[in-house]
Full PDB file with SEQRES, HELIX, SHEET, SSBOND, CRYST1, ORIGX, SCALE, CONECT and MASTER records, all heavy atoms in Angstrom:
SEQRES   1 A   39  ALA GLY PHE ASP LEU PRO GLU GLY LYS TYR ILE ASN PRO          
SEQRES   2 A   39  ALA TYR SER GLY MET THR ALA GLU HIS ILE TYR THR ILE          
SEQRES   3 A   39  ILE PRO ASP ASP PRO ASP ASP ASN ASN GLY GLY GLY GLN          
HELIX    1 AA1 PRO A   13  TYR A   15  5                                   3    
HELIX    2 AA2 ALA A   20  ILE A   26  1                                   7    
HELIX    3 AA3 ASN A   34  GLY A   37  5                                   4    
CRYST1    1.000    1.000    1.000  90.00  90.00  90.00 P 1           1          
ORIGX1      1.000000  0.000000  0.000000        0.00000                         
ORIGX2      0.000000  1.000000  0.000000        0.00000                         
ORIGX3      0.000000  0.000000  1.000000        0.00000                         
SCALE1      1.000000  0.000000  0.000000        0.00000                         
SCALE2      0.000000  1.000000  0.000000        0.00000                         
SCALE3      0.000000  0.000000  1.000000        0.00000                         
ATOM      1  N   ALA A   1       0.823  -1.216   0.000  1.00  0.00           N  
ATOM      2  CA  ALA A   1       0.000   0.000   0.000  1.00  0.00           C  
ATOM      3  C   ALA A   1       0.853   1.262   0.000  1.00  0.00           C  
ATOM      4  O   ALA A   1       0.313   2.371  -0.047  1.00  0.00           O  
ATOM      5  CB  ALA A   1      -0.931   0.001   1.208  1.00  0.00           C  
ATOM      6  N   GLY A   2       2.190   1.098   0.050  1.00  0.00           N  
ATOM      7  CA  GLY A   2       3.078   2.251  -0.045  1.00  0.00           C  
ATOM      8  C   GLY A   2       3.497   2.865   1.266  1.00  0.00           C  
ATOM      9  O   GLY A   2       4.087   3.950   1.282  1.00  0.00           O  
ATOM     10  N   PHE A   3       3.247   2.182   2.381  1.00  0.00           N  
ATOM     11  CA  PHE A   3       3.621   2.755   3.674  1.00  0.00           C  
ATOM     12  C   PHE A   3       5.124   2.631   3.911  1.00  0.00           C  
ATOM     13  O   PHE A   3       5.754   1.642   3.536  1.00  0.00           O  
ATOM     14  CB  PHE A   3       2.865   2.067   4.807  1.00  0.00           C  
ATOM     15  CG  PHE A   3       1.462   2.557   4.979  1.00  0.00           C  
ATOM     16  CD1 PHE A   3       0.391   1.825   4.499  1.00  0.00           C  
ATOM     17  CD2 PHE A   3       1.201   3.767   5.613  1.00  0.00           C  
ATOM     18  CE1 PHE A   3      -0.906   2.278   4.651  1.00  0.00           C  
ATOM     19  CE2 PHE A   3      -0.092   4.231   5.770  1.00  0.00           C  
ATOM     20  CZ  PHE A   3      -1.147   3.481   5.286  1.00  0.00           C  
ATOM     21  N   ASP A   4       5.649   3.654   4.558  1.00  0.00           N  
ATOM     22  CA  ASP A   4       7.052   3.664   4.987  1.00  0.00           C  
ATOM     23  C   ASP A   4       7.083   3.085   6.396  1.00  0.00           C  
ATOM     24  O   ASP A   4       6.890   3.794   7.380  1.00  0.00           O  
ATOM     25  CB  ASP A   4       7.590   5.098   4.966  1.00  0.00           C  
ATOM     26  CG  ASP A   4       9.064   5.185   5.325  1.00  0.00           C  
ATOM     27  OD1 ASP A   4       9.722   4.128   5.356  1.00  0.00           O  
ATOM     28  OD2 ASP A   4       9.547   6.315   5.568  1.00  0.00           O  
ATOM     29  N   LEU A   5       7.326   1.786   6.489  1.00  0.00           N  
ATOM     30  CA  LEU A   5       7.266   1.114   7.787  1.00  0.00           C  
ATOM     31  C   LEU A   5       8.524   1.375   8.600  1.00  0.00           C  
ATOM     32  O   LEU A   5       9.611   1.556   8.047  1.00  0.00           O  
ATOM     33  CB  LEU A   5       7.088  -0.391   7.587  1.00  0.00           C  
ATOM     34  CG  LEU A   5       5.774  -0.816   6.929  1.00  0.00           C  
ATOM     35  CD1 LEU A   5       5.771  -2.312   6.668  1.00  0.00           C  
ATOM     36  CD2 LEU A   5       4.582  -0.427   7.789  1.00  0.00           C  
ATOM     37  N   PRO A   6       8.406   1.402   9.923  1.00  0.00           N  
ATOM     38  CA  PRO A   6       9.568   1.605  10.789  1.00  0.00           C  
ATOM     39  C   PRO A   6      10.617   0.517  10.596  1.00  0.00           C  
ATOM     40  O   PRO A   6      10.310  -0.595  10.142  1.00  0.00           O  
ATOM     41  CB  PRO A   6       8.971   1.555  12.204  1.00  0.00           C  
ATOM     42  CG  PRO A   6       7.534   1.906  12.019  1.00  0.00           C  
ATOM     43  CD  PRO A   6       7.153   1.338  10.687  1.00  0.00           C  
ATOM     44  N   GLU A   7      11.850   0.851  10.948  1.00  0.00           N  
ATOM     45  CA  GLU A   7      12.919  -0.142  10.874  1.00  0.00           C  
ATOM     46  C   GLU A   7      12.596  -1.314  11.815  1.00  0.00           C  
ATOM     47  O   GLU A   7      12.020  -1.134  12.883  1.00  0.00           O  
ATOM     48  CB  GLU A   7      14.256   0.490  11.296  1.00  0.00           C  
ATOM     49  CG  GLU A   7      14.697   1.652  10.404  1.00  0.00           C  
ATOM     50  CD  GLU A   7      14.964   1.222   8.979  1.00  0.00           C  
ATOM     51  OE1 GLU A   7      15.367   0.059   8.791  1.00  0.00           O  
ATOM     52  OE2 GLU A   7      14.768   2.041   8.067  1.00  0.00           O  
ATOM     53  N   GLY A   8      12.993  -2.511  11.399  1.00  0.00           N  
ATOM     54  CA  GLY A   8      12.764  -3.678  12.238  1.00  0.00           C  
ATOM     55  C   GLY A   8      11.544  -4.469  11.863  1.00  0.00           C  
ATOM     56  O   GLY A   8      11.119  -5.353  12.593  1.00  0.00           O  
ATOM     57  N   LYS A   9      10.958  -4.155  10.717  1.00  0.00           N  
ATOM     58  CA  LYS A   9       9.722  -4.818  10.324  1.00  0.00           C  
ATOM     59  C   LYS A   9       9.961  -6.279   9.969  1.00  0.00           C  
ATOM     60  O   LYS A   9      10.988  -6.647   9.411  1.00  0.00           O  
ATOM     61  CB  LYS A   9       9.101  -4.101   9.125  1.00  0.00           C  
ATOM     62  CG  LYS A   9       9.996  -4.055   7.883  1.00  0.00           C  
ATOM     63  CD  LYS A   9       9.357  -3.251   6.775  1.00  0.00           C  
ATOM     64  CE  LYS A   9      10.266  -3.145   5.545  1.00  0.00           C  
ATOM     65  NZ  LYS A   9      11.500  -2.408   5.819  1.00  0.00           N  
ATOM     66  N   TYR A  10       8.989  -7.113  10.308  1.00  0.00           N  
ATOM     67  CA  TYR A  10       8.970  -8.501   9.860  1.00  0.00           C  
ATOM     68  C   TYR A  10       8.171  -8.546   8.572  1.00  0.00           C  
ATOM     69  O   TYR A  10       6.983  -8.211   8.559  1.00  0.00           O  
ATOM     70  CB  TYR A  10       8.293  -9.402  10.895  1.00  0.00           C  
ATOM     71  CG  TYR A  10       9.161  -9.746  12.079  1.00  0.00           C  
ATOM     72  CD1 TYR A  10       8.987  -9.092  13.291  1.00  0.00           C  
ATOM     73  CD2 TYR A  10      10.140 -10.729  11.982  1.00  0.00           C  
ATOM     74  CE1 TYR A  10       9.772  -9.408  14.382  1.00  0.00           C  
ATOM     75  CE2 TYR A  10      10.929 -11.051  13.068  1.00  0.00           C  
ATOM     76  CZ  TYR A  10      10.745 -10.400  14.263  1.00  0.00           C  
ATOM     77  OH  TYR A  10      11.516 -10.720  15.347  1.00  0.00           O  
ATOM     78  N   ILE A  11       8.804  -8.946   7.481  1.00  0.00           N  
ATOM     79  CA  ILE A  11       8.091  -9.011   6.207  1.00  0.00           C  
ATOM     80  C   ILE A  11       8.682 -10.132   5.367  1.00  0.00           C  
ATOM     81  O   ILE A  11       9.903 -10.296   5.288  1.00  0.00           O  
ATOM     82  CB  ILE A  11       8.153  -7.650   5.465  1.00  0.00           C  
ATOM     83  CG1 ILE A  11       7.297  -7.679   4.200  1.00  0.00           C  
ATOM     84  CG2 ILE A  11       9.582  -7.238   5.161  1.00  0.00           C  
ATOM     85  CD1 ILE A  11       7.085  -6.308   3.591  1.00  0.00           C  
ATOM     86  N   ASN A  12       7.810 -10.917   4.780  1.00  0.00           N  
ATOM     87  CA  ASN A  12       8.226 -12.004   3.903  1.00  0.00           C  
ATOM     88  C   ASN A  12       7.102 -12.251   2.903  1.00  0.00           C  
ATOM     89  O   ASN A  12       6.022 -12.703   3.292  1.00  0.00           O  
ATOM     90  CB  ASN A  12       8.514 -13.272   4.701  1.00  0.00           C  
ATOM     91  CG  ASN A  12       9.125 -14.376   3.847  1.00  0.00           C  
ATOM     92  OD1 ASN A  12       8.931 -14.419   2.634  1.00  0.00           O  
ATOM     93  ND2 ASN A  12       9.862 -15.273   4.486  1.00  0.00           N  
ATOM     94  N   PRO A  13       7.323 -11.946   1.618  1.00  0.00           N  
ATOM     95  CA  PRO A  13       6.270 -12.121   0.615  1.00  0.00           C  
ATOM     96  C   PRO A  13       5.731 -13.545   0.556  1.00  0.00           C  
ATOM     97  O   PRO A  13       4.600 -13.762   0.110  1.00  0.00           O  
ATOM     98  CB  PRO A  13       6.974 -11.745  -0.700  1.00  0.00           C  
ATOM     99  CG  PRO A  13       8.093 -10.847  -0.288  1.00  0.00           C  
ATOM    100  CD  PRO A  13       8.553 -11.364   1.036  1.00  0.00           C  
ATOM    101  N   ALA A  14       6.511 -14.521   1.015  1.00  0.00           N  
ATOM    102  CA  ALA A  14       6.042 -15.908   0.992  1.00  0.00           C  
ATOM    103  C   ALA A  14       4.827 -16.109   1.894  1.00  0.00           C  
ATOM    104  O   ALA A  14       4.054 -17.051   1.707  1.00  0.00           O  
ATOM    105  CB  ALA A  14       7.167 -16.846   1.420  1.00  0.00           C  
ATOM    106  N   TYR A  15       4.644 -15.223   2.884  1.00  0.00           N  
ATOM    107  CA  TYR A  15       3.526 -15.348   3.805  1.00  0.00           C  
ATOM    108  C   TYR A  15       2.325 -14.509   3.372  1.00  0.00           C  
ATOM    109  O   TYR A  15       1.334 -14.415   4.100  1.00  0.00           O  
ATOM    110  CB  TYR A  15       3.950 -14.918   5.212  1.00  0.00           C  
ATOM    111  CG  TYR A  15       5.075 -15.754   5.795  1.00  0.00           C  
ATOM    112  CD1 TYR A  15       6.027 -15.170   6.628  1.00  0.00           C  
ATOM    113  CD2 TYR A  15       5.172 -17.110   5.528  1.00  0.00           C  
ATOM    114  CE1 TYR A  15       7.059 -15.931   7.174  1.00  0.00           C  
ATOM    115  CE2 TYR A  15       6.199 -17.876   6.061  1.00  0.00           C  
ATOM    116  CZ  TYR A  15       7.140 -17.282   6.883  1.00  0.00           C  
ATOM    117  OH  TYR A  15       8.153 -18.034   7.419  1.00  0.00           O  
ATOM    118  N   SER A  16       2.406 -13.879   2.219  1.00  0.00           N  
ATOM    119  CA  SER A  16       1.319 -13.019   1.754  1.00  0.00           C  
ATOM    120  C   SER A  16       0.020 -13.811   1.624  1.00  0.00           C  
ATOM    121  O   SER A  16      -0.016 -14.904   1.050  1.00  0.00           O  
ATOM    122  CB  SER A  16       1.683 -12.403   0.399  1.00  0.00           C  
ATOM    123  OG  SER A  16       0.639 -11.592  -0.085  1.00  0.00           O  
ATOM    124  N   GLY A  17      -1.043 -13.263   2.169  1.00  0.00           N  
ATOM    125  CA  GLY A  17      -2.352 -13.895   2.082  1.00  0.00           C  
ATOM    126  C   GLY A  17      -2.635 -14.926   3.147  1.00  0.00           C  
ATOM    127  O   GLY A  17      -3.755 -15.437   3.240  1.00  0.00           O  
ATOM    128  N   MET A  18      -1.628 -15.265   3.965  1.00  0.00           N  
ATOM    129  CA  MET A  18      -1.834 -16.248   5.028  1.00  0.00           C  
ATOM    130  C   MET A  18      -2.369 -15.576   6.289  1.00  0.00           C  
ATOM    131  O   MET A  18      -2.061 -14.424   6.574  1.00  0.00           O  
ATOM    132  CB  MET A  18      -0.520 -16.959   5.369  1.00  0.00           C  
ATOM    133  CG  MET A  18       0.064 -17.797   4.264  1.00  0.00           C  
ATOM    134  SD  MET A  18       1.562 -18.653   4.850  1.00  0.00           S  
ATOM    135  CE  MET A  18       2.137 -19.425   3.326  1.00  0.00           C  
ATOM    136  N   THR A  19      -3.142 -16.314   7.061  1.00  0.00           N  
ATOM    137  CA  THR A  19      -3.600 -15.805   8.346  1.00  0.00           C  
ATOM    138  C   THR A  19      -2.471 -15.891   9.363  1.00  0.00           C  
ATOM    139  O   THR A  19      -1.500 -16.647   9.184  1.00  0.00           O  
ATOM    140  CB  THR A  19      -4.791 -16.620   8.865  1.00  0.00           C  
ATOM    141  OG1 THR A  19      -4.358 -17.963   9.122  1.00  0.00           O  
ATOM    142  CG2 THR A  19      -5.933 -16.625   7.863  1.00  0.00           C  
ATOM    143  N   ALA A  20      -2.600 -15.135  10.442  1.00  0.00           N  
ATOM    144  CA  ALA A  20      -1.597 -15.188  11.508  1.00  0.00           C  
ATOM    145  C   ALA A  20      -1.521 -16.584  12.106  1.00  0.00           C  
ATOM    146  O   ALA A  20      -0.434 -17.064  12.452  1.00  0.00           O  
ATOM    147  CB  ALA A  20      -1.926 -14.159  12.592  1.00  0.00           C  
ATOM    148  N   GLU A  21      -2.667 -17.250  12.210  1.00  0.00           N  
ATOM    149  CA  GLU A  21      -2.679 -18.607  12.763  1.00  0.00           C  
ATOM    150  C   GLU A  21      -1.859 -19.567  11.894  1.00  0.00           C  
ATOM    151  O   GLU A  21      -1.120 -20.408  12.402  1.00  0.00           O  
ATOM    152  CB  GLU A  21      -4.122 -19.113  12.887  1.00  0.00           C  
ATOM    153  CG  GLU A  21      -4.912 -18.511  14.032  1.00  0.00           C  
ATOM    154  CD  GLU A  21      -5.539 -17.166  13.676  1.00  0.00           C  
ATOM    155  OE1 GLU A  21      -5.257 -16.646  12.573  1.00  0.00           O  
ATOM    156  OE2 GLU A  21      -6.290 -16.635  14.496  1.00  0.00           O  
ATOM    157  N   HIS A  22      -1.998 -19.439  10.587  1.00  0.00           N  
ATOM    158  CA  HIS A  22      -1.258 -20.307   9.677  1.00  0.00           C  
ATOM    159  C   HIS A  22       0.243 -20.020   9.766  1.00  0.00           C  
ATOM    160  O   HIS A  22       1.064 -20.943   9.866  1.00  0.00           O  
ATOM    161  CB  HIS A  22      -1.762 -20.114   8.244  1.00  0.00           C  
ATOM    162  CG  HIS A  22      -1.148 -21.047   7.257  1.00  0.00           C  
ATOM    163  ND1 HIS A  22      -1.354 -20.941   5.900  1.00  0.00           N  
ATOM    164  CD2 HIS A  22      -0.302 -22.105   7.416  1.00  0.00           C  
ATOM    165  CE1 HIS A  22      -0.678 -21.897   5.281  1.00  0.00           C  
ATOM    166  NE2 HIS A  22      -0.038 -22.612   6.173  1.00  0.00           N  
ATOM    167  N   ILE A  23       0.591 -18.744   9.734  1.00  0.00           N  
ATOM    168  CA  ILE A  23       1.999 -18.358   9.797  1.00  0.00           C  
ATOM    169  C   ILE A  23       2.627 -18.837  11.102  1.00  0.00           C  
ATOM    170  O   ILE A  23       3.776 -19.293  11.129  1.00  0.00           O  
ATOM    171  CB  ILE A  23       2.144 -16.828   9.650  1.00  0.00           C  
ATOM    172  CG1 ILE A  23       1.645 -16.386   8.268  1.00  0.00           C  
ATOM    173  CG2 ILE A  23       3.594 -16.392   9.850  1.00  0.00           C  
ATOM    174  CD1 ILE A  23       1.540 -14.889   8.100  1.00  0.00           C  
ATOM    175  N   TYR A  24       1.867 -18.757  12.174  1.00  0.00           N  
ATOM    176  CA  TYR A  24       2.362 -19.188  13.483  1.00  0.00           C  
ATOM    177  C   TYR A  24       2.825 -20.643  13.446  1.00  0.00           C  
ATOM    178  O   TYR A  24       3.801 -21.011  14.120  1.00  0.00           O  
ATOM    179  CB  TYR A  24       1.256 -19.008  14.523  1.00  0.00           C  
ATOM    180  CG  TYR A  24       1.661 -19.334  15.946  1.00  0.00           C  
ATOM    181  CD1 TYR A  24       2.167 -18.346  16.784  1.00  0.00           C  
ATOM    182  CD2 TYR A  24       1.513 -20.625  16.458  1.00  0.00           C  
ATOM    183  CE1 TYR A  24       2.528 -18.644  18.099  1.00  0.00           C  
ATOM    184  CE2 TYR A  24       1.872 -20.929  17.757  1.00  0.00           C  
ATOM    185  CZ  TYR A  24       2.382 -19.931  18.576  1.00  0.00           C  
ATOM    186  OH  TYR A  24       2.743 -20.227  19.869  1.00  0.00           O  
ATOM    187  N   THR A  25       2.158 -21.474  12.675  1.00  0.00           N  
ATOM    188  CA  THR A  25       2.489 -22.906  12.657  1.00  0.00           C  
ATOM    189  C   THR A  25       3.730 -23.215  11.831  1.00  0.00           C  
ATOM    190  O   THR A  25       4.290 -24.317  11.961  1.00  0.00           O  
ATOM    191  CB  THR A  25       1.315 -23.725  12.092  1.00  0.00           C  
ATOM    192  OG1 THR A  25       1.095 -23.375  10.711  1.00  0.00           O  
ATOM    193  CG2 THR A  25       0.047 -23.480  12.888  1.00  0.00           C  
ATOM    194  N   ILE A  26       4.182 -22.263  10.994  1.00  0.00           N  
ATOM    195  CA  ILE A  26       5.294 -22.584  10.095  1.00  0.00           C  
ATOM    196  C   ILE A  26       6.565 -21.801  10.388  1.00  0.00           C  
ATOM    197  O   ILE A  26       7.619 -22.129   9.838  1.00  0.00           O  
ATOM    198  CB  ILE A  26       4.891 -22.386   8.613  1.00  0.00           C  
ATOM    199  CG1 ILE A  26       4.460 -20.943   8.339  1.00  0.00           C  
ATOM    200  CG2 ILE A  26       3.794 -23.354   8.224  1.00  0.00           C  
ATOM    201  CD1 ILE A  26       4.076 -20.690   6.881  1.00  0.00           C  
ATOM    202  N   ILE A  27       6.509 -20.778  11.229  1.00  0.00           N  
ATOM    203  CA  ILE A  27       7.739 -20.074  11.566  1.00  0.00           C  
ATOM    204  C   ILE A  27       8.401 -20.773  12.752  1.00  0.00           C  
ATOM    205  O   ILE A  27       7.725 -21.370  13.590  1.00  0.00           O  
ATOM    206  CB  ILE A  27       7.493 -18.576  11.888  1.00  0.00           C  
ATOM    207  CG1 ILE A  27       6.518 -18.421  13.056  1.00  0.00           C  
ATOM    208  CG2 ILE A  27       6.999 -17.833  10.674  1.00  0.00           C  
ATOM    209  CD1 ILE A  27       6.312 -16.966  13.478  1.00  0.00           C  
ATOM    210  N   PRO A  28       9.734 -20.726  12.826  1.00  0.00           N  
ATOM    211  CA  PRO A  28      10.448 -21.406  13.922  1.00  0.00           C  
ATOM    212  C   PRO A  28      10.103 -20.813  15.279  1.00  0.00           C  
ATOM    213  O   PRO A  28       9.675 -19.662  15.394  1.00  0.00           O  
ATOM    214  CB  PRO A  28      11.917 -21.181  13.577  1.00  0.00           C  
ATOM    215  CG  PRO A  28      11.931 -20.843  12.117  1.00  0.00           C  
ATOM    216  CD  PRO A  28      10.642 -20.129  11.854  1.00  0.00           C  
ATOM    217  N   ASP A  29      10.287 -21.607  16.313  1.00  0.00           N  
ATOM    218  CA  ASP A  29      10.017 -21.155  17.675  1.00  0.00           C  
ATOM    219  C   ASP A  29      11.099 -20.228  18.200  1.00  0.00           C  
ATOM    220  O   ASP A  29      10.828 -19.360  19.026  1.00  0.00           O  
ATOM    221  CB  ASP A  29       9.902 -22.354  18.623  1.00  0.00           C  
ATOM    222  CG  ASP A  29       8.659 -23.175  18.348  1.00  0.00           C  
ATOM    223  OD1 ASP A  29       7.667 -22.599  17.864  1.00  0.00           O  
ATOM    224  OD2 ASP A  29       8.693 -24.394  18.607  1.00  0.00           O  
ATOM    225  N   ASP A  30      12.345 -20.415  17.750  1.00  0.00           N  
ATOM    226  CA  ASP A  30      13.470 -19.634  18.269  1.00  0.00           C  
ATOM    227  C   ASP A  30      13.318 -18.170  17.872  1.00  0.00           C  
ATOM    228  O   ASP A  30      13.223 -17.851  16.687  1.00  0.00           O  
ATOM    229  CB  ASP A  30      14.782 -20.199  17.700  1.00  0.00           C  
ATOM    230  CG  ASP A  30      16.017 -19.529  18.287  1.00  0.00           C  
ATOM    231  OD1 ASP A  30      15.870 -18.545  19.052  1.00  0.00           O  
ATOM    232  OD2 ASP A  30      17.121 -20.001  17.979  1.00  0.00           O  
ATOM    233  N   PRO A  31      13.294 -17.240  18.833  1.00  0.00           N  
ATOM    234  CA  PRO A  31      13.163 -15.817  18.478  1.00  0.00           C  
ATOM    235  C   PRO A  31      14.338 -15.294  17.674  1.00  0.00           C  
ATOM    236  O   PRO A  31      14.241 -14.232  17.064  1.00  0.00           O  
ATOM    237  CB  PRO A  31      13.064 -15.116  19.839  1.00  0.00           C  
ATOM    238  CG  PRO A  31      13.689 -16.063  20.805  1.00  0.00           C  
ATOM    239  CD  PRO A  31      13.387 -17.440  20.286  1.00  0.00           C  
ATOM    240  N   ASP A  32      15.481 -15.999  17.661  1.00  0.00           N  
ATOM    241  CA  ASP A  32      16.631 -15.562  16.863  1.00  0.00           C  
ATOM    242  C   ASP A  32      16.766 -16.420  15.613  1.00  0.00           C  
ATOM    243  O   ASP A  32      17.842 -16.855  15.230  1.00  0.00           O  
ATOM    244  CB  ASP A  32      17.925 -15.662  17.686  1.00  0.00           C  
ATOM    245  CG  ASP A  32      17.882 -14.778  18.912  1.00  0.00           C  
ATOM    246  OD1 ASP A  32      17.369 -13.650  18.792  1.00  0.00           O  
ATOM    247  OD2 ASP A  32      18.345 -15.229  19.976  1.00  0.00           O  
ATOM    248  N   ASP A  33      15.623 -16.646  14.936  1.00  0.00           N  
ATOM    249  CA  ASP A  33      15.609 -17.623  13.852  1.00  0.00           C  
ATOM    250  C   ASP A  33      15.782 -17.008  12.471  1.00  0.00           C  
ATOM    251  O   ASP A  33      15.463 -17.630  11.489  1.00  0.00           O  
ATOM    252  CB  ASP A  33      14.285 -18.385  13.860  1.00  0.00           C  
ATOM    253  CG  ASP A  33      13.107 -17.438  13.696  1.00  0.00           C  
ATOM    254  OD1 ASP A  33      13.020 -16.762  12.684  1.00  0.00           O  
ATOM    255  OD2 ASP A  33      12.281 -17.372  14.622  1.00  0.00           O  
ATOM    256  N   ASN A  34      16.277 -15.760  12.400  1.00  0.00           N  
ATOM    257  CA  ASN A  34      16.351 -15.042  11.131  1.00  0.00           C  
ATOM    258  C   ASN A  34      14.971 -14.768  10.560  1.00  0.00           C  
ATOM    259  O   ASN A  34      14.798 -14.577   9.374  1.00  0.00           O  
ATOM    260  CB  ASN A  34      17.181 -15.802  10.081  1.00  0.00           C  
ATOM    261  CG  ASN A  34      18.643 -15.847  10.439  1.00  0.00           C  
ATOM    262  OD1 ASN A  34      19.167 -14.908  11.038  1.00  0.00           O  
ATOM    263  ND2 ASN A  34      19.303 -16.951  10.115  1.00  0.00           N  
ATOM    264  N   ASN A  35      13.951 -14.778  11.447  1.00  0.00           N  
ATOM    265  CA  ASN A  35      12.618 -14.309  11.088  1.00  0.00           C  
ATOM    266  C   ASN A  35      11.951 -15.111   9.991  1.00  0.00           C  
ATOM    267  O   ASN A  35      11.270 -14.592   9.135  1.00  0.00           O  
ATOM    268  CB  ASN A  35      12.666 -12.825  10.678  1.00  0.00           C  
ATOM    269  CG  ASN A  35      13.420 -12.019  11.690  1.00  0.00           C  
ATOM    270  OD1 ASN A  35      13.154 -12.106  12.881  1.00  0.00           O  
ATOM    271  ND2 ASN A  35      14.405 -11.275  11.237  1.00  0.00           N  
ATOM    272  N   GLY A  36      12.184 -16.397  10.003  1.00  0.00           N  
ATOM    273  CA  GLY A  36      11.469 -17.244   9.055  1.00  0.00           C  
ATOM    274  C   GLY A  36      11.844 -16.984   7.623  1.00  0.00           C  
ATOM    275  O   GLY A  36      11.084 -17.253   6.713  1.00  0.00           O  
ATOM    276  N   GLY A  37      13.001 -16.435   7.388  1.00  0.00           N  
ATOM    277  CA  GLY A  37      13.430 -16.200   6.025  1.00  0.00           C  
ATOM    278  C   GLY A  37      13.132 -14.808   5.531  1.00  0.00           C  
ATOM    279  O   GLY A  37      13.429 -14.477   4.395  1.00  0.00           O  
ATOM    280  N   GLY A  38      12.518 -13.957   6.381  1.00  0.00           N  
ATOM    281  CA  GLY A  38      12.217 -12.600   5.963  1.00  0.00           C  
ATOM    282  C   GLY A  38      13.339 -11.664   6.341  1.00  0.00           C  
ATOM    283  O   GLY A  38      14.458 -12.076   6.639  1.00  0.00           O  
ATOM    284  N   GLN A  39      13.033 -10.368   6.354  1.00  0.00           N  
ATOM    285  CA  GLN A  39      14.031  -9.375   6.722  1.00  0.00           C  
ATOM    286  C   GLN A  39      14.251  -9.414   8.223  1.00  0.00           C  
ATOM    287  O   GLN A  39      13.319  -9.524   9.004  1.00  0.00           O  
ATOM    288  CB  GLN A  39      13.560  -7.977   6.301  1.00  0.00           C  
ATOM    289  CG  GLN A  39      13.410  -7.824   4.797  1.00  0.00           C  
ATOM    290  CD  GLN A  39      12.922  -6.439   4.438  1.00  0.00           C  
ATOM    291  OE1 GLN A  39      12.902  -5.552   5.282  1.00  0.00           O  
ATOM    292  NE2 GLN A  39      12.536  -6.250   3.190  1.00  0.00           N  
TER     293      GLN A  39                                                      
MASTER        0    0    0    3    0    0    0    6  292    1    0    3          
END                                                                             
């Protein structure tokens, strides 16, 4: 949508269109996991 998001954003186009519940089941549990392949 063109927003200038703050630094530190979690974003990964692979998760586009997924619900938070779905994403929760596929991202690693470790908080230092490189963010599931995103930024």
